[in-house]
Amino acid sequence: DLIHNGIRFKEFVGVIQVGNTQVEVLPKADKNLKDQVSEDKWRKVLIGMLKTVHGFDVKSPSLSSLNLKSNTILDLYFEIFIKEVEYLLHSGLIKKYRKVNGNINALKGSLQFGKHIQYNLVHQERFFVKYNVYDVSHTIHFILYKALRLLKLINTNSALYSRIGALMLHFPEMPDIRVSESTFDRLILNRKTYTYQKALEISKLLLLRFHPDLSKGKNHVLALMFDMNLLWEKFVYISLKKHKDIQVFAQNKKFFWNPTIGQRRTIRPDIRIIKGKQTFVFDTKWKMLKDNKPSVEDVRQMYAYHHYFKAEKVALLYPGDFNPMSGKYVDIEDQKLDSSFECSLIFLPVVMDVRKWQEDICDKVKLWIS
């Protein structure tokens, strides 16, 4: 939202870089975010969540030795990308076959007769042919090289300058290409190229969110912004997915309204857990509740989930260090009685150690289920 001399960010977090100026938008799940200690805490929490959700496992060989101790959000993505490309160069860049047209002194491939006559009436020692070349010049490397050039342009961290320069020196020069969402959609990774996945994911994130300054060339804009509600939902889902004794599903949908004209409407909870023959449904909400009271809309939504998914019970999952609350929906026939439908509020304390945090989330949810 626009406010006096500023902008108020709501559900989005991340970082915006304009020229050499960085603005970090950190998540907020407490009432005090003014001191430096609290700011550092929430920056580390956000970085930990991004690592988990985007699959940047700190135990993987290429990510186990990140050199920057106090990462900013941009530094995190920049250094992971650099580590990945360093690893790929050390392992050897993969080669692919590509077709080339050329006017050469040897006959190989297929003779392009029309072009051959056009170019070689005088130089009869040459042949205009189409042939295959096996080398490192292909779309994957075009993308990585473009991302490297972008890093060289926008990086402001002195600790990364020399490493980016070394990569630019050793990475084969590639043609500049225009990239869009479809460029990445067309990429198909196989057994030989799966090691490129992380580098390509970060390349996509950076290249598609970069907006160059075409007028003065100094105030380029890079915006890495993430929907905090979606990030929280995915983080909780991945945390619960680690446990093998329960089945965890994300974004299961059911149809609940068939209009006479138009498309059917669906109902879709964030997380559904099946344990034995019992079903439990959850919605995740990254927000601070006033007086620990959920919105009426959220409670109504959970009632619909309870009914349509035949759930044993349902719950709203919030960040926070409060005791859980539960309540029964009122019986439809007799307003003085409670129905068997139960909805709870579960608060999950934020922990700096991400792995410990994930374990705590699992323990709290499993305790509530049992």
Foldseek 3Di string as FASTA:
>chain_A
DDDVVDDDDDQKFAWKAWQNDIDGRFADDDDDCPDPVNVLLRQLLVLLLCCLLVVVDCPDPLNVCQPDDSDGRVNVLVSSLLSLLVVCVVVDAAKDKDKDWDWAQDDDAAFPVVVQVVPCPPPVSITTHIDIDIGRADLLLLLLLVLLVVCCLRPPDPVCNVSSVVSNVRRDDYDHDDDDPVSVVPDDDDPVRPSCVSSVVSSCQFNHQWAADPPPRRTTMGDRMDRNQVSQLSLLQSLQPVDDQKDKDAFDKDFDDDDPDDDTDIQTFGMWIDHPNAIETEHEDEDHDDVPDDDPVVVVSLVVCCPPVVHQEYEYEYEDDDDKAKDFPADPVDNVHGDSYMYMYHYQYRDSPSNVSSVSSNVRVVVVVD
